[in-house]
Amino acid sequence: MVRQDRANWHKFHRRDSDDQGDPWFRTDSSRADLQRMLERDGAMGSATRRAIVNGEPLIEVDVYPDSVRVSILEN
């Protein structure tokens, strides 16, 4: 869902009022990298994952050279 959100922003120009652009996930390839990083342990906790799957929380994605971290800002 996080990958799709970035595709919506960059590729399809569908944006929520809370969305912000980013310089990292402009291409399909970089969004595939995002998906791989999200699947690694530690990218997001199970509660964060459940909140994303079951609702539309406001999240923050911190991007590091070889990893990402997803946090809930507002549920």
PDB file of N, CA and C in Angstrom:
ATOM      1  N   MET A   1       0.814  -1.182   0.000  1.00  0.00           N
ATOM      2  CA  MET A   1       0.000   0.000   0.000  1.00  0.00           C
ATOM      3  C   MET A   1       0.867   1.260   0.000  1.00  0.00           C
ATOM      4  N   VAL A   2       1.983   1.212   0.681  1.00  0.00           N
ATOM      5  CA  VAL A   2       2.894   2.358   0.692  1.00  0.00           C
ATOM      6  C   VAL A   2       3.479   2.544  -0.702  1.00  0.00           C
ATOM      7  N   ARG A   3       3.856   1.445  -1.339  1.00  0.00           N
ATOM      8  CA  ARG A   3       4.382   1.524  -2.706  1.00  0.00           C
ATOM      9  C   ARG A   3       3.333   2.101  -3.638  1.00  0.00           C
ATOM     10  N   GLN A   4       2.097   1.655  -3.521  1.00  0.00           N
ATOM     11  CA  GLN A   4       1.032   2.159  -4.384  1.00  0.00           C
ATOM     12  C   GLN A   4       0.781   3.638  -4.143  1.00  0.00           C
ATOM     13  N   ASP A   5       0.875   4.064  -2.890  1.00  0.00           N
ATOM     14  CA  ASP A   5       0.711   5.484  -2.584  1.00  0.00           C
ATOM     15  C   ASP A   5       1.743   6.317  -3.331  1.00  0.00           C
ATOM     16  N   ARG A   6       2.980   5.837  -3.345  1.00  0.00           N
ATOM     17  CA  ARG A   6       4.035   6.577  -4.058  1.00  0.00           C
ATOM     18  C   ARG A   6       3.814   6.541  -5.568  1.00  0.00           C
ATOM     19  N   ALA A   7       3.302   5.423  -6.095  1.00  0.00           N
ATOM     20  CA  ALA A   7       2.974   5.362  -7.523  1.00  0.00           C
ATOM     21  C   ALA A   7       1.837   6.331  -7.832  1.00  0.00           C
ATOM     22  N   ASN A   8       0.849   6.395  -6.946  1.00  0.00           N
ATOM     23  CA  ASN A   8      -0.251   7.341  -7.154  1.00  0.00           C
ATOM     24  C   ASN A   8       0.276   8.773  -7.246  1.00  0.00           C
ATOM     25  N   TRP A   9       1.222   9.118  -6.394  1.00  0.00           N
ATOM     26  CA  TRP A   9       1.781  10.473  -6.391  1.00  0.00           C
ATOM     27  C   TRP A   9       2.592  10.740  -7.657  1.00  0.00           C
ATOM     28  N   HIS A  10       3.550   9.857  -7.935  1.00  0.00           N
ATOM     29  CA  HIS A  10       4.511  10.110  -9.012  1.00  0.00           C
ATOM     30  C   HIS A  10       3.998   9.753 -10.401  1.00  0.00           C
ATOM     31  N   LYS A  11       3.342   8.629 -10.528  1.00  0.00           N
ATOM     32  CA  LYS A  11       2.978   8.113 -11.848  1.00  0.00           C
ATOM     33  C   LYS A  11       1.581   8.543 -12.285  1.00  0.00           C
ATOM     34  N   PHE A  12       0.631   8.469 -11.357  1.00  0.00           N
ATOM     35  CA  PHE A  12      -0.769   8.704 -11.714  1.00  0.00           C
ATOM     36  C   PHE A  12      -1.268  10.091 -11.306  1.00  0.00           C
ATOM     37  N   HIS A  13      -0.454  10.835 -10.571  1.00  0.00           N
ATOM     38  CA  HIS A  13      -0.785  12.198 -10.130  1.00  0.00           C
ATOM     39  C   HIS A  13      -2.098  12.246  -9.342  1.00  0.00           C
ATOM     40  N   ARG A  14      -2.341  11.186  -8.561  1.00  0.00           N
ATOM     41  CA  ARG A  14      -3.477  11.143  -7.630  1.00  0.00           C
ATOM     42  C   ARG A  14      -2.912  11.414  -6.247  1.00  0.00           C
ATOM     43  N   ARG A  15      -3.346  12.507  -5.662  1.00  0.00           N
ATOM     44  CA  ARG A  15      -2.713  12.936  -4.415  1.00  0.00           C
ATOM     45  C   ARG A  15      -3.747  13.295  -3.367  1.00  0.00           C
ATOM     46  N   ASP A  16      -3.491  12.846  -2.152  1.00  0.00           N
ATOM     47  CA  ASP A  16      -4.301  13.233  -1.003  1.00  0.00           C
ATOM     48  C   ASP A  16      -3.800  14.578  -0.484  1.00  0.00           C
ATOM     49  N   SER A  17      -4.655  15.267   0.249  1.00  0.00           N
ATOM     50  CA  SER A  17      -4.257  16.572   0.776  1.00  0.00           C
ATOM     51  C   SER A  17      -3.078  16.474   1.746  1.00  0.00           C
ATOM     52  N   ASP A  18      -2.913  15.327   2.405  1.00  0.00           N
ATOM     53  CA  ASP A  18      -1.802  15.145   3.351  1.00  0.00           C
ATOM     54  C   ASP A  18      -0.523  14.643   2.694  1.00  0.00           C
ATOM     55  N   ASP A  19      -0.593  14.257   1.420  1.00  0.00           N
ATOM     56  CA  ASP A  19       0.579  13.722   0.730  1.00  0.00           C
ATOM     57  C   ASP A  19       1.639  14.783   0.520  1.00  0.00           C
ATOM     58  N   GLN A  20       2.871  14.312   0.479  1.00  0.00           N
ATOM     59  CA  GLN A  20       4.001  15.165   0.119  1.00  0.00           C
ATOM     60  C   GLN A  20       4.820  14.434  -0.927  1.00  0.00           C
ATOM     61  N   GLY A  21       5.449  15.190  -1.774  1.00  0.00           N
ATOM     62  CA  GLY A  21       6.323  14.599  -2.773  1.00  0.00           C
ATOM     63  C   GLY A  21       7.599  14.078  -2.139  1.00  0.00           C
ATOM     64  N   ASP A  22       8.339  13.344  -2.912  1.00  0.00           N
ATOM     65  CA  ASP A  22       9.632  12.844  -2.451  1.00  0.00           C
ATOM     66  C   ASP A  22      10.539  12.703  -3.669  1.00  0.00           C
ATOM     67  N   PRO A  23      11.828  12.818  -3.484  1.00  0.00           N
ATOM     68  CA  PRO A  23      12.757  12.656  -4.602  1.00  0.00           C
ATOM     69  C   PRO A  23      13.208  11.214  -4.815  1.00  0.00           C
ATOM     70  N   TRP A  24      12.764  10.282  -3.977  1.00  0.00           N
ATOM     71  CA  TRP A  24      13.315   8.927  -4.002  1.00  0.00           C
ATOM     72  C   TRP A  24      12.524   7.934  -4.839  1.00  0.00           C
ATOM     73  N   PHE A  25      11.224   8.037  -4.898  1.00  0.00           N
ATOM     74  CA  PHE A  25      10.404   6.962  -5.450  1.00  0.00           C
ATOM     75  C   PHE A  25       9.677   7.361  -6.729  1.00  0.00           C
ATOM     76  N   ARG A  26      10.377   8.044  -7.595  1.00  0.00           N
ATOM     77  CA  ARG A  26       9.802   8.532  -8.853  1.00  0.00           C
ATOM     78  C   ARG A  26       9.631   7.441  -9.901  1.00  0.00           C
ATOM     79  N   THR A  27      10.468   6.427  -9.863  1.00  0.00           N
ATOM     80  CA  THR A  27      10.448   5.411 -10.923  1.00  0.00           C
ATOM     81  C   THR A  27       9.864   4.089 -10.414  1.00  0.00           C
ATOM     82  N   ASP A  28       9.405   3.270 -11.358  1.00  0.00           N
ATOM     83  CA  ASP A  28       8.913   1.936 -10.993  1.00  0.00           C
ATOM     84  C   ASP A  28       9.997   1.149 -10.270  1.00  0.00           C
ATOM     85  N   SER A  29      11.222   1.280 -10.740  1.00  0.00           N
ATOM     86  CA  SER A  29      12.348   0.557 -10.140  1.00  0.00           C
ATOM     87  C   SER A  29      12.586   0.993  -8.699  1.00  0.00           C
ATOM     88  N   SER A  30      12.551   2.280  -8.451  1.00  0.00           N
ATOM     89  CA  SER A  30      12.778   2.752  -7.084  1.00  0.00           C
ATOM     90  C   SER A  30      11.627   2.370  -6.164  1.00  0.00           C
ATOM     91  N   ARG A  31      10.404   2.292  -6.714  1.00  0.00           N
ATOM     92  CA  ARG A  31       9.272   1.841  -5.894  1.00  0.00           C
ATOM     93  C   ARG A  31       9.355   0.342  -5.621  1.00  0.00           C
ATOM     94  N   ALA A  32       9.925  -0.419  -6.546  1.00  0.00           N
ATOM     95  CA  ALA A  32      10.164  -1.845  -6.288  1.00  0.00           C
ATOM     96  C   ALA A  32      11.205  -1.998  -5.176  1.00  0.00           C
ATOM     97  N   ASP A  33      12.226  -1.150  -5.194  1.00  0.00           N
ATOM     98  CA  ASP A  33      13.209  -1.152  -4.096  1.00  0.00           C
ATOM     99  C   ASP A  33      12.525  -0.827  -2.776  1.00  0.00           C
ATOM    100  N   LEU A  34      11.613   0.151  -2.789  1.00  0.00           N
ATOM    101  CA  LEU A  34      10.850   0.498  -1.591  1.00  0.00           C
ATOM    102  C   LEU A  34      10.110  -0.718  -1.065  1.00  0.00           C
ATOM    103  N   GLN A  35       9.450  -1.443  -1.952  1.00  0.00           N
ATOM    104  CA  GLN A  35       8.707  -2.639  -1.546  1.00  0.00           C
ATOM    105  C   GLN A  35       9.627  -3.650  -0.864  1.00  0.00           C
ATOM    106  N   ARG A  36      10.790  -3.877  -1.451  1.00  0.00           N
ATOM    107  CA  ARG A  36      11.750  -4.819  -0.858  1.00  0.00           C
ATOM    108  C   ARG A  36      12.194  -4.344   0.525  1.00  0.00           C
ATOM    109  N   MET A  37      12.454  -3.053   0.640  1.00  0.00           N
ATOM    110  CA  MET A  37      12.877  -2.522   1.935  1.00  0.00           C
ATOM    111  C   MET A  37      11.754  -2.630   2.968  1.00  0.00           C
ATOM    112  N   LEU A  38      10.512  -2.443   2.534  1.00  0.00           N
ATOM    113  CA  LEU A  38       9.369  -2.544   3.444  1.00  0.00           C
ATOM    114  C   LEU A  38       9.157  -3.969   3.936  1.00  0.00           C
ATOM    115  N   GLU A  39       9.568  -4.949   3.150  1.00  0.00           N
ATOM    116  CA  GLU A  39       9.385  -6.349   3.520  1.00  0.00           C
ATOM    117  C   GLU A  39      10.445  -6.839   4.502  1.00  0.00           C
ATOM    118  N   ARG A  40      11.486  -6.067   4.701  1.00  0.00           N
ATOM    119  CA  ARG A  40      12.539  -6.437   5.651  1.00  0.00           C
ATOM    120  C   ARG A  40      12.057  -6.228   7.075  1.00  0.00           C
ATOM    121  N   ASP A  41      12.621  -7.022   7.969  1.00  0.00           N
ATOM    122  CA  ASP A  41      12.331  -6.834   9.390  1.00  0.00           C
ATOM    123  C   ASP A  41      12.762  -5.442   9.820  1.00  0.00           C
ATOM    124  N   GLY A  42      11.955  -4.816  10.639  1.00  0.00           N
ATOM    125  CA  GLY A  42      12.302  -3.526  11.193  1.00  0.00           C
ATOM    126  C   GLY A  42      11.807  -2.328  10.410  1.00  0.00           C
ATOM    127  N   ALA A  43      11.331  -2.522   9.174  1.00  0.00           N
ATOM    128  CA  ALA A  43      10.850  -1.387   8.380  1.00  0.00           C
ATOM    129  C   ALA A  43       9.596  -0.785   8.997  1.00  0.00           C
ATOM    130  N   MET A  44       8.736  -1.680   9.517  1.00  0.00           N
ATOM    131  CA  MET A  44       7.548  -1.218  10.229  1.00  0.00           C
ATOM    132  C   MET A  44       7.077  -2.319  11.152  1.00  0.00           C
ATOM    133  N   GLY A  45       6.526  -1.928  12.260  1.00  0.00           N
ATOM    134  CA  GLY A  45       6.017  -2.889  13.219  1.00  0.00           C
ATOM    135  C   GLY A  45       4.686  -3.475  12.779  1.00  0.00           C
ATOM    136  N   SER A  46       4.289  -4.542  13.425  1.00  0.00           N
ATOM    137  CA  SER A  46       3.031  -5.207  13.053  1.00  0.00           C
ATOM    138  C   SER A  46       1.830  -4.296  13.291  1.00  0.00           C
ATOM    139  N   ALA A  47       1.860  -3.465  14.332  1.00  0.00           N
ATOM    140  CA  ALA A  47       0.752  -2.551  14.590  1.00  0.00           C
ATOM    141  C   ALA A  47       0.649  -1.500  13.474  1.00  0.00           C
ATOM    142  N   THR A  48       1.785  -1.037  13.003  1.00  0.00           N
ATOM    143  CA  THR A  48       1.797  -0.074  11.900  1.00  0.00           C
ATOM    144  C   THR A  48       1.250  -0.717  10.638  1.00  0.00           C
ATOM    145  N   ARG A  49       1.696  -1.933  10.362  1.00  0.00           N
ATOM    146  CA  ARG A  49       1.218  -2.656   9.182  1.00  0.00           C
ATOM    147  C   ARG A  49      -0.304  -2.847   9.242  1.00  0.00           C
ATOM    148  N   ARG A  50      -0.807  -3.263  10.399  1.00  0.00           N
ATOM    149  CA  ARG A  50      -2.265  -3.454  10.563  1.00  0.00           C
ATOM    150  C   ARG A  50      -3.027  -2.150  10.362  1.00  0.00           C
ATOM    151  N   ALA A  51      -2.504  -1.071  10.918  1.00  0.00           N
ATOM    152  CA  ALA A  51      -3.171   0.228  10.772  1.00  0.00           C
ATOM    153  C   ALA A  51      -3.265   0.644   9.307  1.00  0.00           C
ATOM    154  N   ILE A  52      -2.222   0.384   8.544  1.00  0.00           N
ATOM    155  CA  ILE A  52      -2.221   0.727   7.117  1.00  0.00           C
ATOM    156  C   ILE A  52      -3.207  -0.151   6.356  1.00  0.00           C
ATOM    157  N   VAL A  53      -3.218  -1.430   6.654  1.00  0.00           N
ATOM    158  CA  VAL A  53      -4.106  -2.358   5.957  1.00  0.00           C
ATOM    159  C   VAL A  53      -5.572  -2.093   6.304  1.00  0.00           C
ATOM    160  N   ASN A  54      -5.839  -1.759   7.563  1.00  0.00           N
ATOM    161  CA  ASN A  54      -7.224  -1.629   8.023  1.00  0.00           C
ATOM    162  C   ASN A  54      -7.776  -0.206   8.004  1.00  0.00           C
ATOM    163  N   GLY A  55      -6.993   0.769   7.609  1.00  0.00           N
ATOM    164  CA  GLY A  55      -7.474   2.146   7.620  1.00  0.00           C
ATOM    165  C   GLY A  55      -6.662   3.025   6.702  1.00  0.00           C
ATOM    166  N   GLU A  56      -6.685   4.294   7.001  1.00  0.00           N
ATOM    167  CA  GLU A  56      -5.933   5.259   6.212  1.00  0.00           C
ATOM    168  C   GLU A  56      -5.182   6.207   7.150  1.00  0.00           C
ATOM    169  N   PRO A  57      -4.222   5.672   7.906  1.00  0.00           N
ATOM    170  CA  PRO A  57      -3.494   6.528   8.843  1.00  0.00           C
ATOM    171  C   PRO A  57      -2.549   7.473   8.098  1.00  0.00           C
ATOM    172  N   LEU A  58      -2.214   8.544   8.757  1.00  0.00           N
ATOM    173  CA  LEU A  58      -1.174   9.423   8.254  1.00  0.00           C
ATOM    174  C   LEU A  58       0.149   8.808   8.690  1.00  0.00           C
ATOM    175  N   ILE A  59       1.016   8.507   7.717  1.00  0.00           N
ATOM    176  CA  ILE A  59       2.283   7.856   8.033  1.00  0.00           C
ATOM    177  C   ILE A  59       3.449   8.751   7.635  1.00  0.00           C
ATOM    178  N   GLU A  60       4.588   8.434   8.215  1.00  0.00           N
ATOM    179  CA  GLU A  60       5.849   9.067   7.850  1.00  0.00           C
ATOM    180  C   GLU A  60       6.792   7.955   7.419  1.00  0.00           C
ATOM    181  N   VAL A  61       7.439   8.158   6.286  1.00  0.00           N
ATOM    182  CA  VAL A  61       8.415   7.191   5.792  1.00  0.00           C
ATOM    183  C   VAL A  61       9.782   7.863   5.836  1.00  0.00           C
ATOM    184  N   ASP A  62      10.639   7.359   6.721  1.00  0.00           N
ATOM    185  CA  ASP A  62      12.009   7.849   6.803  1.00  0.00           C
ATOM    186  C   ASP A  62      12.858   7.012   5.862  1.00  0.00           C
ATOM    187  N   VAL A  63      13.595   7.680   4.992  1.00  0.00           N
ATOM    188  CA  VAL A  63      14.388   6.994   3.966  1.00  0.00           C
ATOM    189  C   VAL A  63      15.866   7.103   4.312  1.00  0.00           C
ATOM    190  N   TYR A  64      16.521   5.942   4.329  1.00  0.00           N
ATOM    191  CA  TYR A  64      17.953   5.843   4.589  1.00  0.00           C
ATOM    192  C   TYR A  64      18.609   5.213   3.362  1.00  0.00           C
ATOM    193  N   PRO A  65      19.919   5.213   3.255  1.00  0.00           N
ATOM    194  CA  PRO A  65      20.568   4.689   2.052  1.00  0.00           C
ATOM    195  C   PRO A  65      20.142   3.273   1.648  1.00  0.00           C
ATOM    196  N   ASP A  66      19.916   2.395   2.630  1.00  0.00           N
ATOM    197  CA  ASP A  66      19.556   1.019   2.258  1.00  0.00           C
ATOM    198  C   ASP A  66      18.363   0.494   3.050  1.00  0.00           C
ATOM    199  N   SER A  67      17.554   1.405   3.596  1.00  0.00           N
ATOM    200  CA  SER A  67      16.383   0.962   4.351  1.00  0.00           C
ATOM    201  C   SER A  67      15.375   2.101   4.483  1.00  0.00           C
ATOM    202  N   VAL A  68      14.197   1.743   4.917  1.00  0.00           N
ATOM    203  CA  VAL A  68      13.163   2.718   5.235  1.00  0.00           C
ATOM    204  C   VAL A  68      12.549   2.364   6.576  1.00  0.00           C
ATOM    205  N   ARG A  69      11.924   3.346   7.223  1.00  0.00           N
ATOM    206  CA  ARG A  69      11.195   3.104   8.458  1.00  0.00           C
ATOM    207  C   ARG A  69       9.867   3.831   8.345  1.00  0.00           C
ATOM    208  N   VAL A  70       8.786   3.115   8.609  1.00  0.00           N
ATOM    209  CA  VAL A  70       7.439   3.673   8.518  1.00  0.00           C
ATOM    210  C   VAL A  70       6.881   3.834   9.925  1.00  0.00           C
ATOM    211  N   SER A  71       6.356   5.019  10.200  1.00  0.00           N
ATOM    212  CA  SER A  71       5.762   5.325  11.503  1.00  0.00           C
ATOM    213  C   SER A  71       4.378   5.933  11.299  1.00  0.00           C
ATOM    214  N   ILE A  72       3.492   5.666  12.238  1.00  0.00           N
ATOM    215  CA  ILE A  72       2.159   6.267  12.229  1.00  0.00           C
ATOM    216  C   ILE A  72       2.258   7.635  12.909  1.00  0.00           C
ATOM    217  N   LEU A  73       1.784   8.665  12.223  1.00  0.00           N
ATOM    218  CA  LEU A  73       1.738   9.994  12.815  1.00  0.00           C
ATOM    219  C   LEU A  73       0.365  10.269  13.410  1.00  0.00           C
ATOM    220  N   GLU A  74      -0.658   9.765  12.710  1.00  0.00           N
ATOM    221  CA  GLU A  74      -2.042  10.019  13.122  1.00  0.00           C
ATOM    222  C   GLU A  74      -2.903   8.894  12.592  1.00  0.00           C
ATOM    223  N   ASN A  75      -3.724   8.317  13.452  1.00  0.00           N
ATOM    224  CA  ASN A  75      -4.586   7.208  13.040  1.00  0.00           C
ATOM    225  C   ASN A  75      -5.953   7.665  12.677  1.00  0.00           C
TER     226      ASN A  75
END
